């Protein structure tokens, strides 16, 4: 199965009853966990590479590993640049072969966000890559900040004038939450889905209660980003292994972490309804 963009996963993105999971990966073990889950569930997935991962290991090293895994898969896999705040990083990812890119200008003025996102969309056309923008500001469990929920009028104008394939919205989720508890503004989400020409994206979904994720998918959310939950599952597997028998062989406890991550991803794939859609 060749590397794909989101347009290949969703030929008719406003007429689907499930969402694709975009799982943040930080090293080979995370890539392996997501790919094993996708193959077992026969589900399309996105391997999402974010700035924190790039700072940890580097865009080229992590990106090449993700791209190689995607090209070897028997299910559709997109490799996605997540939350880029500089257009130079977008260009580097596209040059490397990423099939999907996101520019996050949510902290900028509306006009600057729109203009820079337009530049990203134009760049991506030459690479046949899908594009994602963001309107509204999400808070972060560790960093704080004041959330600003997405204004529907601004969102529609942004989507129409930029031509993005997906729009990330702020409707109550929180980045970095390590346990569930966040509730979504489903009325706002319904309004956005009805008004927008493209599907919406939920970020920070690890902290959202499962019931709200299911409802969001039914409303029409096309992509759900999942990051913190995989890290928590991975870390728990390693901690339990070390506490149990003092294992010192890193390959053994990394395998346990990978196994726990894989099962977490499988459960999320089923929650999104993307199992069996490959």
Protein backbone atom coordinates (compact mmCIF):
# COMPACT_ATOMS: atom_id res chain seq x y z
CA UNK A 1 0.00 0.00 0.00
CA UNK A 2 1.61 3.30 -1.04
CA UNK A 3 1.95 6.29 1.26
CA UNK A 4 -1.29 8.31 1.00
CA UNK A 5 -2.66 11.73 1.81
CA UNK A 6 -5.91 12.35 3.65
CA UNK A 7 -7.77 12.95 0.40
CA UNK A 8 -7.01 9.35 -0.54
CA UNK A 9 -8.31 8.10 2.81
CA UNK A 10 -11.48 10.21 2.52
CA UNK A 11 -12.47 10.66 -1.16
CA UNK A 12 -15.76 12.21 0.05
CA UNK A 13 -14.74 13.73 3.39
CA UNK A 14 -18.11 15.25 4.31
CA UNK A 15 -19.94 11.98 3.85
CA UNK A 16 -18.30 9.50 6.21
CA UNK A 17 -19.43 7.90 9.46
CA UNK A 18 -15.99 7.35 11.02
CA UNK A 19 -12.82 9.30 11.75
CA UNK A 20 -9.17 8.60 11.08
CA UNK A 21 -6.81 8.53 14.04
CA UNK A 22 -3.69 10.70 13.89
CA UNK A 23 -1.33 9.18 16.43
CA UNK A 24 1.72 11.12 17.60
CA UNK A 25 4.93 9.13 17.27
CA UNK A 26 8.23 9.94 18.96
CA UNK A 27 10.55 7.07 18.08
CA UNK A 28 10.60 3.64 16.43
CA UNK A 29 8.64 1.98 19.25
CA UNK A 30 5.74 4.40 18.87
CA UNK A 31 5.75 3.96 15.10
CA UNK A 32 5.74 0.20 15.56
CA UNK A 33 2.86 0.32 18.06
CA UNK A 34 0.68 2.35 15.70
CA UNK A 35 1.51 0.29 12.63
CA UNK A 36 0.90 -3.04 14.37
CA UNK A 37 -2.48 -1.77 15.59
CA UNK A 38 -3.43 -0.47 12.14
CA UNK A 39 -2.55 -3.76 10.46
CA UNK A 40 -4.43 -5.83 13.05
CA UNK A 41 -7.51 -3.62 12.84
CA UNK A 42 -7.26 -3.09 9.05
CA UNK A 43 -7.57 0.63 9.63
CA UNK A 44 -6.20 3.70 7.84
CA UNK A 45 -4.04 5.78 10.20
CA UNK A 46 -1.89 8.89 10.29
CA UNK A 47 1.58 8.92 11.83
CA UNK A 48 1.79 12.41 13.30
CA UNK A 49 5.16 14.06 13.89
CA UNK A 50 4.98 17.12 16.17
CA UNK A 51 7.49 19.77 17.22
CA UNK A 52 8.19 18.11 20.59
CA UNK A 53 9.22 14.93 18.76
CA UNK A 54 11.32 16.87 16.25
CA UNK A 55 13.16 18.60 19.11
CA UNK A 56 13.78 15.19 20.67
CA UNK A 57 15.06 13.22 17.67
CA UNK A 58 15.08 15.47 14.58
CA UNK A 59 12.69 15.78 11.64
CA UNK A 60 14.78 13.79 9.19
CA UNK A 61 15.51 10.81 11.42
CA UNK A 62 11.96 10.42 12.69
CA UNK A 63 10.35 11.39 9.40
CA UNK A 64 12.34 8.87 7.36
CA UNK A 65 11.42 6.09 9.81
CA UNK A 66 7.73 7.00 9.65
CA UNK A 67 7.78 7.24 5.85
CA UNK A 68 9.48 3.88 5.53
CA UNK A 69 6.91 2.26 7.83
CA UNK A 70 4.06 3.83 5.83
CA UNK A 71 5.44 2.60 2.51
CA UNK A 72 5.75 -0.95 3.84
CA UNK A 73 2.18 -1.04 5.19
CA UNK A 74 -0.72 -3.01 3.75
CA UNK A 75 -3.20 -0.38 4.98
CA UNK A 76 -3.41 3.31 3.99
CA UNK A 77 -1.00 5.42 6.06
CA UNK A 78 -0.41 9.17 5.90
CA UNK A 79 2.64 10.78 7.47
CA UNK A 80 1.55 14.10 8.94
CA UNK A 81 3.43 17.15 10.23
CA UNK A 82 1.54 18.24 13.34
CA UNK A 83 1.34 21.80 14.72
CA UNK A 84 4.12 23.39 12.67
CA UNK A 85 4.47 27.05 13.62
CA UNK A 86 7.07 27.91 10.97
CA UNK A 87 6.58 27.59 7.22
CA UNK A 88 10.23 26.56 6.82
CA UNK A 89 9.45 23.41 8.80
CA UNK A 90 6.46 22.71 6.54
CA UNK A 91 8.70 22.98 3.49
CA UNK A 92 11.30 20.63 5.01
CA UNK A 93 8.61 18.04 5.77
CA UNK A 94 7.20 18.25 2.25
CA UNK A 95 10.65 17.92 0.73
CA UNK A 96 11.21 14.84 2.88
CA UNK A 97 8.03 13.21 1.58
CA UNK A 98 5.34 13.92 4.19
CA UNK A 99 1.89 13.42 2.69
CA UNK A 100 0.04 15.76 5.05
CA UNK A 101 1.00 19.02 6.79
CA UNK A 102 -0.48 21.36 9.36
CA UNK A 103 0.37 24.99 10.01
CA UNK A 104 -0.82 26.10 13.43
CA UNK A 105 -1.20 29.87 13.44
CA UNK A 106 -3.87 29.89 16.13
CA UNK A 107 -1.76 32.15 18.36
CA UNK A 108 -1.43 34.73 15.56
CA UNK A 109 -3.94 37.33 14.48
CA UNK A 110 -6.70 35.96 12.27
CA UNK A 111 -5.32 37.65 9.16
CA UNK A 112 -1.74 36.50 9.73
CA UNK A 113 -2.91 32.98 10.47
CA UNK A 114 -4.97 32.99 7.27
CA UNK A 115 -2.17 34.38 5.12
CA UNK A 116 0.45 31.92 6.35
CA UNK A 117 -1.97 29.01 6.04
CA UNK A 118 -2.61 30.07 2.43
CA UNK A 119 1.14 29.87 1.83
CA UNK A 120 1.18 26.35 3.27
CA UNK A 121 -1.70 25.27 1.01
CA UNK A 122 0.11 26.60 -2.06
CA UNK A 123 3.31 24.80 -1.08
CA UNK A 124 1.48 21.53 -0.48
CA UNK A 125 -0.12 21.54 -3.95
CA UNK A 126 3.24 20.80 -5.57
CA UNK A 127 3.55 17.68 -3.39
CA UNK A 128 -0.08 16.48 -3.53
CA UNK A 129 -0.15 16.69 0.25
CA UNK A 130 -3.26 17.28 2.34
CA UNK A 131 -3.43 20.39 4.53
CA UNK A 132 -4.75 21.37 7.94
CA UNK A 133 -5.18 24.74 9.61
CA UNK A 134 -6.44 25.81 13.02
CA UNK A 135 -8.85 28.46 14.28
CA UNK A 136 -9.38 28.93 18.00
CA UNK A 137 -6.96 28.36 20.88
CA UNK A 138 -6.76 25.23 23.03
CA UNK A 139 -5.26 25.27 26.51
CA UNK A 140 -2.55 22.83 27.61
CA UNK A 141 -2.76 20.75 30.79
CA UNK A 142 0.90 21.48 31.64
CA UNK A 143 1.44 24.92 30.10
CA UNK A 144 -1.92 26.45 30.89
CA UNK A 145 -3.15 29.34 28.78
CA UNK A 146 -6.65 30.58 28.15
CA UNK A 147 -8.71 28.58 25.69
CA UNK A 148 -10.63 30.46 23.01
CA UNK A 149 -13.36 28.37 21.42
CA UNK A 150 -13.66 28.56 17.66
CA UNK A 151 -15.90 31.26 16.22
CA UNK A 152 -18.07 29.73 13.45
CA UNK A 153 -18.05 32.83 11.24
CA UNK A 154 -14.26 33.11 11.42
CA UNK A 155 -13.90 29.37 10.83
CA UNK A 156 -16.02 29.44 7.67
CA UNK A 157 -14.18 32.43 6.27
CA UNK A 158 -10.82 30.84 7.10
CA UNK A 159 -11.70 27.53 5.44
CA UNK A 160 -13.11 29.19 2.34
CA UNK A 161 -10.22 31.61 1.84
CA UNK A 162 -7.39 29.18 2.58
CA UNK A 163 -8.78 26.04 0.95
CA UNK A 164 -7.50 23.73 3.71
CA UNK A 165 -8.60 20.10 3.59
CA UNK A 166 -9.15 19.99 7.35
CA UNK A 167 -9.73 22.53 10.09
CA UNK A 168 -8.69 21.99 13.71
CA UNK A 169 -11.17 23.59 16.08
CA UNK A 170 -11.28 24.45 19.77
CA UNK A 171 -14.46 23.01 21.30
CA UNK A 172 -13.39 22.03 24.82
CA UNK A 173 -10.53 19.55 24.48
CA UNK A 174 -7.20 20.17 26.21
CA UNK A 175 -3.69 19.29 25.07
CA UNK A 176 -1.64 17.06 27.36
CA UNK A 177 -4.36 15.68 29.67
CA UNK A 178 -3.21 12.37 31.18
CA UNK A 179 -6.67 11.19 32.22
CA UNK A 180 -10.12 11.55 30.76
CA UNK A 181 -12.46 14.24 31.98
CA UNK A 182 -12.75 16.95 29.32
CA UNK A 183 -16.21 17.46 27.80
CA UNK A 184 -16.82 18.86 24.36
CA UNK A 185 -19.09 21.71 23.33
CA UNK A 186 -21.05 19.46 21.01
CA UNK A 187 -23.53 22.18 20.05
CA UNK A 188 -20.68 24.34 18.77
CA UNK A 189 -19.17 21.35 16.99
CA UNK A 190 -22.48 20.63 15.24
CA UNK A 191 -22.70 24.26 14.13
CA UNK A 192 -19.17 24.15 12.75
CA UNK A 193 -19.70 20.87 10.92
CA UNK A 194 -22.85 22.14 9.23
CA UNK A 195 -21.28 25.42 8.17
CA UNK A 196 -17.77 24.36 7.10
CA UNK A 197 -16.85 23.10 3.62
CA UNK A 198 -14.27 20.71 5.12
CA UNK A 199 -14.21 18.25 8.03
CA UNK A 200 -13.12 19.32 11.49
CA UNK A 201 -10.25 17.94 13.57
CA UNK A 202 -10.19 17.26 17.30
CA UNK A 203 -6.84 17.80 19.01
CA UNK A 204 -6.11 16.86 22.62
CA UNK A 205 -8.48 13.92 22.48
CA UNK A 206 -6.64 11.76 25.05
CA UNK A 207 -8.41 13.71 27.79
CA UNK A 208 -11.89 13.62 26.23
CA UNK A 209 -14.40 11.16 27.63
CA UNK A 210 -15.10 8.33 25.18
CA UNK A 211 -18.79 9.19 24.97
CA UNK A 212 -18.02 12.66 23.62
CA UNK A 213 -15.55 11.30 21.07
CA UNK A 214 -18.20 8.91 19.77
CA UNK A 215 -20.69 11.76 19.51
CA UNK A 216 -18.15 13.99 17.78
CA UNK A 217 -17.49 11.34 15.16
CA UNK A 218 -21.23 10.98 14.57
CA UNK A 219 -21.48 14.74 14.11
CA UNK A 220 -18.87 14.54 11.36
CA UNK A 221 -15.37 15.03 12.79
CA UNK A 222 -12.98 13.58 10.22
CA UNK A 223 -9.68 13.36 12.12
CA UNK A 224 -8.90 12.83 15.79
CA UNK A 225 -5.41 13.52 17.16
CA UNK A 226 -4.19 11.22 19.93
CA UNK A 227 -0.82 11.69 21.62
CA UNK A 228 -0.65 11.83 25.40
CA UNK A 229 -2.60 8.60 25.91
CA UNK A 230 -0.07 6.55 23.96
CA UNK A 231 2.79 7.97 26.02
CA UNK A 232 0.96 7.12 29.24
CA UNK A 233 0.25 3.54 28.10
CA UNK A 234 3.85 3.08 26.99
CA UNK A 235 5.27 4.41 30.27
CA UNK A 236 2.93 2.29 32.41
CA UNK A 237 4.08 -0.87 30.64
CA UNK A 238 7.73 -0.06 31.28
CA UNK A 239 7.18 0.92 34.92
CA UNK A 240 5.24 -2.24 35.70
CA UNK A 241 7.91 -4.40 34.08
CA UNK A 242 10.73 -2.76 36.00
CA UNK A 243 8.84 -2.90 39.29
CA UNK A 244 7.96 -6.56 38.82
CA UNK A 245 11.33 -8.16 38.20
CA UNK A 246 13.95 -5.43 37.86
CA UNK A 247 14.40 -6.20 34.16
CA UNK A 248 17.54 -4.50 32.82
CA UNK A 249 17.35 -5.57 29.16
CA UNK A 250 16.09 -2.42 27.46
CA UNK A 251 14.77 -4.33 24.44
CA UNK A 252 12.47 -6.38 26.68
CA UNK A 253 10.83 -3.47 28.46
CA UNK A 254 10.66 -1.43 25.25
CA UNK A 255 8.73 -4.34 23.75
CA UNK A 256 6.32 -4.28 26.70
CA UNK A 257 5.85 -0.53 26.23
CA UNK A 258 5.22 -1.06 22.54
CA UNK A 259 2.68 -3.79 23.28
CA UNK A 260 0.77 -1.51 25.67
CA UNK A 261 0.87 1.31 23.13
CA UNK A 262 -0.42 -1.01 20.40
CA UNK A 263 -3.41 -2.11 22.51
CA UNK A 264 -4.20 1.51 23.38
CA UNK A 265 -4.17 2.43 19.67
CA UNK A 266 -6.36 -0.57 18.77
CA UNK A 267 -8.98 0.57 21.28
CA UNK A 268 -8.92 4.11 19.91
CA UNK A 269 -9.26 2.87 16.33
CA UNK A 270 -12.39 0.96 17.31
CA UNK A 271 -13.74 3.98 19.17
CA UNK A 272 -13.33 6.08 16.01
CA UNK A 273 -15.01 3.43 13.88
CA UNK A 274 -12.04 3.19 11.49
CA UNK A 275 -11.46 -0.52 12.08
CA UNK A 276 -12.07 -2.53 8.91
CA UNK A 277 -12.04 0.59 6.72
CA UNK A 278 -8.70 -0.12 5.00
